């Protein structure tokens, strides 16, 4: 008896998770070490490159699931996004090993973003050219935001798993059902990695994992914005990513106002400050994942609102838990001083 297509696709998801886990074990044994630095939360050298397992599994099983579910991988937007992610993953892996200068990473991110935009995945407003520029800025920002926030066990992998499951759950409601299986595939691959990184880290994603996942997260948000028929449906991507966006934006603004170098490695992100104040790392990760889910709930709540009304309603609701998170950091650092942050 032949399996139905959805059943076979789900089977592929399980295979992807186990294959990713197997490759992560290989990377642990390979032991490309991440030595503690100025922005590190760990104290002993720990293997990195878990993203090799995540991305290799994703690119192996994603085309298979796409074919099973009747979605072509030869579409221009899918093909160029895959090419962009492979390119950025390759550069990021070499950077993980050889610690290349920052301008090389930025150049690779720009090329990858350009490839994504060339595939047609860009916002169409406020105009054609301005929409392209805005889309490139968005991709660069989200790629780096995910990279910056990948500094605590399970935080990024857990947040992206939560976000991808949420996207898969509401994809049909939002009008882009073809995104459901790709979101589930990314969640499955990250689930294969998560047990090796949370609650105790045996390996880190590395830049190959964080930057590649960041590019895909930013691209998915652009795709959702471009294809949803709901008036405020475009808020789904930014709302799910809002915990990362808030932390990175707040930290950049604070360091700018304090006249601290934006290029210097630091441990001044809110999640790092809370960890330095003695807050349990596993609890911080759980809270960040819950913030992602809250962002998704807010996005669904405002989806049918006119665009301006949607923003006016969603923004305070998204800011509320983040302001509480910031207040908690201030209170804890007064009781448990962490120095300048």
Protein backbone atom coordinates (compact mmCIF):
# COMPACT_ATOMS: atom_id res chain seq x y z
CA UNK A 1 0.00 0.00 0.00
CA UNK A 2 1.44 3.36 -1.02
CA UNK A 3 1.77 6.01 1.66
CA UNK A 4 -0.20 9.23 1.18
CA UNK A 5 1.87 12.27 0.26
CA UNK A 6 1.44 14.04 3.64
CA UNK A 7 2.43 10.88 5.51
CA UNK A 8 5.54 10.48 3.39
CA UNK A 9 6.37 14.16 3.88
CA UNK A 10 6.07 13.81 7.67
CA UNK A 11 8.31 10.75 7.51
CA UNK A 12 10.90 12.90 5.70
CA UNK A 13 10.69 15.45 8.51
CA UNK A 14 11.61 12.78 11.05
CA UNK A 15 14.42 11.59 8.79
CA UNK A 16 15.72 15.15 8.49
CA UNK A 17 15.77 15.57 12.27
CA UNK A 18 17.67 12.31 12.82
CA UNK A 19 20.06 13.00 9.94
CA UNK A 20 20.80 16.48 11.34
CA UNK A 21 21.43 14.94 14.77
CA UNK A 22 23.84 12.43 13.25
CA UNK A 23 25.81 15.13 11.46
CA UNK A 24 25.90 17.24 14.62
CA UNK A 25 27.50 14.28 16.42
CA UNK A 26 30.11 14.14 13.66
CA UNK A 27 30.81 17.86 14.10
CA UNK A 28 31.22 17.37 17.85
CA UNK A 29 33.86 14.73 17.18
CA UNK A 30 35.50 16.95 14.57
CA UNK A 31 35.94 19.51 17.38
CA UNK A 32 36.31 22.83 15.59
CA UNK A 33 36.46 24.75 18.86
CA UNK A 34 34.90 28.06 19.81
CA UNK A 35 37.24 29.62 22.37
CA UNK A 36 35.65 32.02 24.90
CA UNK A 37 35.88 35.67 23.85
CA UNK A 38 34.53 39.07 24.83
CA UNK A 39 30.96 38.21 23.74
CA UNK A 40 30.94 34.59 24.91
CA UNK A 41 28.67 33.18 27.60
CA UNK A 42 30.66 29.94 27.85
CA UNK A 43 33.88 29.58 29.85
CA UNK A 44 35.52 26.56 28.23
CA UNK A 45 36.32 25.83 24.57
CA UNK A 46 33.29 24.21 22.95
CA UNK A 47 32.86 22.73 19.45
CA UNK A 48 31.04 24.85 16.89
CA UNK A 49 29.65 24.04 13.48
CA UNK A 50 26.39 22.42 14.54
CA UNK A 51 24.87 24.48 11.75
CA UNK A 52 26.61 22.15 9.29
CA UNK A 53 24.26 19.39 10.36
CA UNK A 54 21.22 21.67 10.29
CA UNK A 55 21.85 23.13 6.85
CA UNK A 56 23.09 19.90 5.22
CA UNK A 57 19.98 18.07 6.39
CA UNK A 58 17.74 20.93 5.27
CA UNK A 59 19.17 21.01 1.74
CA UNK A 60 19.08 17.22 1.46
CA UNK A 61 15.45 16.73 2.50
CA UNK A 62 13.82 20.04 1.51
CA UNK A 63 13.77 19.29 -2.25
CA UNK A 64 12.35 15.84 -1.52
CA UNK A 65 9.53 17.22 0.62
CA UNK A 66 8.81 19.92 -1.93
CA UNK A 67 8.45 17.31 -4.64
CA UNK A 68 6.29 15.04 -2.47
CA UNK A 69 3.93 17.89 -1.62
CA UNK A 70 3.72 19.12 -5.21
CA UNK A 71 5.88 22.24 -4.92
CA UNK A 72 8.65 22.86 -7.41
CA UNK A 73 12.19 23.57 -6.27
CA UNK A 74 13.00 25.00 -9.69
CA UNK A 75 10.98 28.16 -9.19
CA UNK A 76 13.21 31.20 -9.53
CA UNK A 77 12.60 32.48 -6.00
CA UNK A 78 13.18 29.06 -4.40
CA UNK A 79 16.29 28.30 -6.46
CA UNK A 80 17.96 31.68 -5.89
CA UNK A 81 17.15 31.66 -2.18
CA UNK A 82 18.72 28.21 -1.93
CA UNK A 83 21.77 29.41 -3.85
CA UNK A 84 22.07 32.47 -1.62
CA UNK A 85 21.84 30.38 1.54
CA UNK A 86 24.41 27.86 0.29
CA UNK A 87 26.80 30.67 -0.60
CA UNK A 88 26.42 32.38 2.78
CA UNK A 89 26.73 29.03 4.58
CA UNK A 90 30.00 28.27 2.78
CA UNK A 91 31.52 31.67 3.58
CA UNK A 92 30.31 31.45 7.17
CA UNK A 93 31.89 28.01 7.63
CA UNK A 94 35.25 29.26 6.44
CA UNK A 95 34.82 32.22 8.78
CA UNK A 96 34.10 29.82 11.65
CA UNK A 97 37.39 28.09 10.95
CA UNK A 98 39.65 31.02 10.02
CA UNK A 99 37.99 34.08 11.64
CA UNK A 100 37.90 36.28 8.54
CA UNK A 101 37.56 40.08 8.80
CA UNK A 102 34.07 41.49 9.32
CA UNK A 103 33.94 43.15 5.89
CA UNK A 104 34.15 39.72 4.19
CA UNK A 105 31.10 38.54 6.14
CA UNK A 106 29.24 41.74 5.27
CA UNK A 107 30.12 41.38 1.59
CA UNK A 108 28.88 37.77 1.62
CA UNK A 109 25.64 38.87 3.27
CA UNK A 110 25.14 41.58 0.64
CA UNK A 111 25.67 39.09 -2.21
CA UNK A 112 23.31 36.58 -0.60
CA UNK A 113 20.67 39.29 -0.08
CA UNK A 114 21.01 40.40 -3.69
CA UNK A 115 20.44 36.82 -4.89
CA UNK A 116 17.27 36.55 -2.77
CA UNK A 117 15.97 39.86 -4.13
CA UNK A 118 16.84 38.80 -7.69
CA UNK A 119 14.45 35.90 -7.22
CA UNK A 120 11.59 38.32 -6.68
CA UNK A 121 11.33 37.99 -2.91
CA UNK A 122 11.06 41.66 -1.99
CA UNK A 123 8.40 44.01 -0.72
CA UNK A 124 6.59 46.03 -3.37
CA UNK A 125 6.15 49.19 -1.31
CA UNK A 126 6.60 52.09 -0.98
CA UNK A 127 7.93 51.76 -4.55
CA UNK A 128 9.84 49.31 -6.71
CA UNK A 129 13.37 50.62 -6.09
CA UNK A 130 12.72 51.72 -2.52
CA UNK A 131 11.09 48.34 -1.84
CA UNK A 132 14.22 46.56 -3.04
CA UNK A 133 16.46 48.76 -0.88
CA UNK A 134 14.21 48.21 2.13
CA UNK A 135 14.25 44.45 1.54
CA UNK A 136 18.05 44.31 1.36
CA UNK A 137 18.35 46.32 4.59
CA UNK A 138 15.85 43.98 6.24
CA UNK A 139 17.75 40.86 5.17
CA UNK A 140 21.08 42.27 6.37
CA UNK A 141 19.59 43.34 9.69
CA UNK A 142 17.82 40.03 10.42
CA UNK A 143 20.81 37.94 9.34
CA UNK A 144 23.04 39.85 11.75
CA UNK A 145 20.39 40.01 14.48
CA UNK A 146 20.10 36.22 14.54
CA UNK A 147 23.91 36.00 14.59
CA UNK A 148 24.18 38.49 17.48
CA UNK A 149 21.49 36.71 19.50
CA UNK A 150 23.13 33.30 19.08
CA UNK A 151 25.03 33.57 22.35
CA UNK A 152 23.11 31.41 24.82
CA UNK A 153 22.26 27.72 24.81
CA UNK A 154 19.16 27.01 22.74
CA UNK A 155 18.10 30.64 22.38
CA UNK A 156 18.25 30.98 18.62
CA UNK A 157 17.46 27.37 17.74
CA UNK A 158 14.55 27.33 20.19
CA UNK A 159 13.20 30.68 19.01
CA UNK A 160 13.39 29.66 15.36
CA UNK A 161 11.76 26.30 16.07
CA UNK A 162 8.87 28.09 17.80
CA UNK A 163 8.61 30.61 14.98
CA UNK A 164 8.66 28.01 12.22
CA UNK A 165 6.03 25.86 13.91
CA UNK A 166 3.84 28.93 14.26
CA UNK A 167 4.28 29.81 10.58
CA UNK A 168 3.39 26.25 9.59
CA UNK A 169 0.26 26.37 11.77
CA UNK A 170 -1.09 29.61 10.27
CA UNK A 171 0.30 29.40 6.72
CA UNK A 172 -3.01 28.41 5.11
CA UNK A 173 -4.95 31.00 7.12
CA UNK A 174 -2.52 33.69 5.99
CA UNK A 175 -2.66 32.66 2.34
CA UNK A 176 0.74 31.09 1.75
CA UNK A 177 0.24 27.31 2.25
CA UNK A 178 3.35 26.57 0.18
CA UNK A 179 5.45 27.92 3.06
CA UNK A 180 4.13 25.33 5.53
CA UNK A 181 6.43 22.44 4.61
CA UNK A 182 9.57 24.54 4.34
CA UNK A 183 8.87 25.94 7.83
CA UNK A 184 8.32 22.42 9.19
CA UNK A 185 11.53 21.23 7.53
CA UNK A 186 13.61 23.98 9.13
CA UNK A 187 12.00 23.28 12.51
CA UNK A 188 12.77 19.55 12.13
CA UNK A 189 16.42 20.17 11.28
CA UNK A 190 16.82 22.52 14.24
CA UNK A 191 15.14 19.97 16.50
CA UNK A 192 17.86 17.53 15.49
CA UNK A 193 20.43 20.04 16.73
CA UNK A 194 18.68 21.32 19.88
CA UNK A 195 19.40 18.37 22.26
CA UNK A 196 23.12 18.92 21.72
CA UNK A 197 22.88 22.63 22.59
CA UNK A 198 20.23 22.86 25.30
CA UNK A 199 20.22 22.97 28.26
CA UNK A 200 23.95 22.14 28.27
CA UNK A 201 25.90 22.90 25.13
CA UNK A 202 27.99 20.16 23.60
CA UNK A 203 28.22 22.20 20.39
CA UNK A 204 27.17 25.60 19.01
CA UNK A 205 25.48 26.46 15.72
CA UNK A 206 28.40 28.63 14.65
CA UNK A 207 28.10 31.36 12.04
CA UNK A 208 27.23 28.78 9.41
CA UNK A 209 24.06 28.00 11.35
CA UNK A 210 23.09 31.41 12.70
CA UNK A 211 23.73 33.41 9.53
CA UNK A 212 22.09 30.86 7.22
CA UNK A 213 19.05 30.57 9.48
CA UNK A 214 18.94 34.35 9.79
CA UNK A 215 18.88 34.78 6.02
CA UNK A 216 16.11 32.20 5.67
CA UNK A 217 14.10 33.80 8.48
CA UNK A 218 14.36 37.23 6.87
CA UNK A 219 13.49 35.81 3.45
CA UNK A 220 10.44 34.00 4.85
CA UNK A 221 9.21 37.25 6.38
CA UNK A 222 9.56 39.02 3.02
CA UNK A 223 7.76 36.17 1.28
CA UNK A 224 4.89 36.32 3.75
CA UNK A 225 4.64 40.08 3.35
CA UNK A 226 4.51 39.78 -0.42
CA UNK A 227 1.97 36.95 -0.66
CA UNK A 228 -0.50 37.33 2.18
CA UNK A 229 -3.92 38.74 1.18
CA UNK A 230 -4.70 39.85 4.75
CA UNK A 231 -4.49 43.63 5.33
CA UNK A 232 -2.06 43.36 8.26
CA UNK A 233 -0.77 39.90 7.42
CA UNK A 234 2.64 41.42 6.67
CA UNK A 235 3.15 41.83 10.42
CA UNK A 236 3.55 38.09 11.00
CA UNK A 237 7.26 37.90 10.18
CA UNK A 238 8.33 41.03 12.11
CA UNK A 239 6.13 40.02 15.07
CA UNK A 240 7.69 36.56 15.35
CA UNK A 241 11.17 38.08 15.09
CA UNK A 242 10.34 41.01 17.38
CA UNK A 243 12.18 39.69 20.49
CA UNK A 244 15.40 39.58 18.46
CA UNK A 245 14.69 42.90 16.76
CA UNK A 246 14.02 44.66 20.07
CA UNK A 247 17.10 43.31 21.84
CA UNK A 248 19.47 44.11 18.97
CA UNK A 249 17.97 47.56 18.28
CA UNK A 250 17.96 48.55 21.95
CA UNK A 251 21.54 47.37 22.39
CA UNK A 252 22.78 49.23 19.30
CA UNK A 253 21.04 52.45 20.38
CA UNK A 254 22.27 52.18 23.94
CA UNK A 255 25.86 51.59 22.86
CA UNK A 256 25.66 54.45 20.35
CA UNK A 257 24.39 56.87 23.00
CA UNK A 258 27.10 55.65 25.39
CA UNK A 259 29.69 56.24 22.63
CA UNK A 260 30.78 52.63 22.73
CA UNK A 261 32.17 50.99 19.62
CA UNK A 262 29.54 49.10 17.64
CA UNK A 263 32.23 46.91 16.11
CA UNK A 264 33.73 45.78 19.42
CA UNK A 265 32.68 42.39 20.79
CA UNK A 266 30.57 42.70 23.94
CA UNK A 267 28.10 41.01 26.26
CA UNK A 268 25.63 43.86 26.48
CA UNK A 269 22.55 42.30 24.91
CA UNK A 270 19.65 42.02 27.34
CA UNK A 271 19.76 38.23 27.37
CA UNK A 272 23.49 38.37 28.14
CA UNK A 273 23.02 40.96 30.88
CA UNK A 274 20.32 38.83 32.51
CA UNK A 275 22.57 35.78 32.33
CA UNK A 276 25.49 37.71 33.81
CA UNK A 277 23.21 38.84 36.65
CA UNK A 278 22.73 35.19 37.63
CA UNK A 279 19.46 34.37 35.88
CA UNK A 280 19.29 30.75 34.79
CA UNK A 281 20.30 30.38 31.13
CA UNK A 282 17.68 27.72 30.39
CA UNK A 283 14.95 29.98 31.79
CA UNK A 284 16.12 32.90 29.64
CA UNK A 285 15.85 30.70 26.55
CA UNK A 286 12.33 29.57 27.50
CA UNK A 287 11.26 33.19 28.00
CA UNK A 288 12.64 34.22 24.61
CA UNK A 289 10.76 31.36 22.93
CA UNK A 290 7.55 32.42 24.68
CA UNK A 291 8.09 35.96 23.40
CA UNK A 292 8.21 34.54 19.87
CA UNK A 293 4.91 32.73 20.40
CA UNK A 294 3.38 35.89 21.85
CA UNK A 295 4.47 37.77 18.74
CA UNK A 296 2.68 35.21 16.60
CA UNK A 297 -0.50 35.50 18.66
CA UNK A 298 -0.43 39.29 18.32
CA UNK A 299 0.06 39.01 14.56
CA UNK A 300 -2.95 36.70 14.21
CA UNK A 301 -5.03 39.04 16.38
CA UNK A 302 -4.40 42.06 14.11
CA UNK A 303 -4.26 40.23 10.78
CA UNK A 304 -7.62 41.53 9.53
CA UNK A 305 -7.07 45.10 10.72
CA UNK A 306 -6.22 47.84 8.17
CA UNK A 307 -2.42 48.22 7.88
CA UNK A 308 -2.11 51.39 9.97
CA UNK A 309 -4.51 50.16 12.64
CA UNK A 310 -2.72 46.83 12.71
CA UNK A 311 0.60 48.50 13.51
CA UNK A 312 -0.97 50.79 16.13
CA UNK A 313 -2.50 47.81 17.92
CA UNK A 314 0.37 45.35 17.48
CA UNK A 315 3.30 47.58 18.47
CA UNK A 316 2.21 48.26 22.08
CA UNK A 317 1.32 44.60 22.55
CA UNK A 318 4.73 43.51 21.23
CA UNK A 319 6.58 46.11 23.30
CA UNK A 320 4.84 45.23 26.56
CA UNK A 321 6.76 42.00 27.36
CA UNK A 322 10.00 43.50 26.03
CA UNK A 323 9.73 46.50 28.33
CA UNK A 324 9.10 44.08 31.20
CA UNK A 325 12.19 42.14 30.10
CA UNK A 326 14.22 45.36 30.10
CA UNK A 327 12.87 46.34 33.53
CA UNK A 328 13.85 42.91 34.85
CA UNK A 329 17.41 43.42 33.54
CA UNK A 330 17.64 46.81 35.27
CA UNK A 331 16.30 45.44 38.56
CA UNK A 332 18.56 42.39 38.54
CA UNK A 333 21.71 44.35 37.71
CA UNK A 334 21.04 46.66 40.65
CA UNK A 335 20.87 43.66 42.96
CA UNK A 336 23.64 41.74 41.19
CA UNK A 337 26.01 44.30 39.58
CA UNK A 338 27.52 43.16 36.28
CA UNK A 339 29.59 46.24 35.55
CA UNK A 340 29.13 48.51 32.59
CA UNK A 341 26.60 47.23 30.06
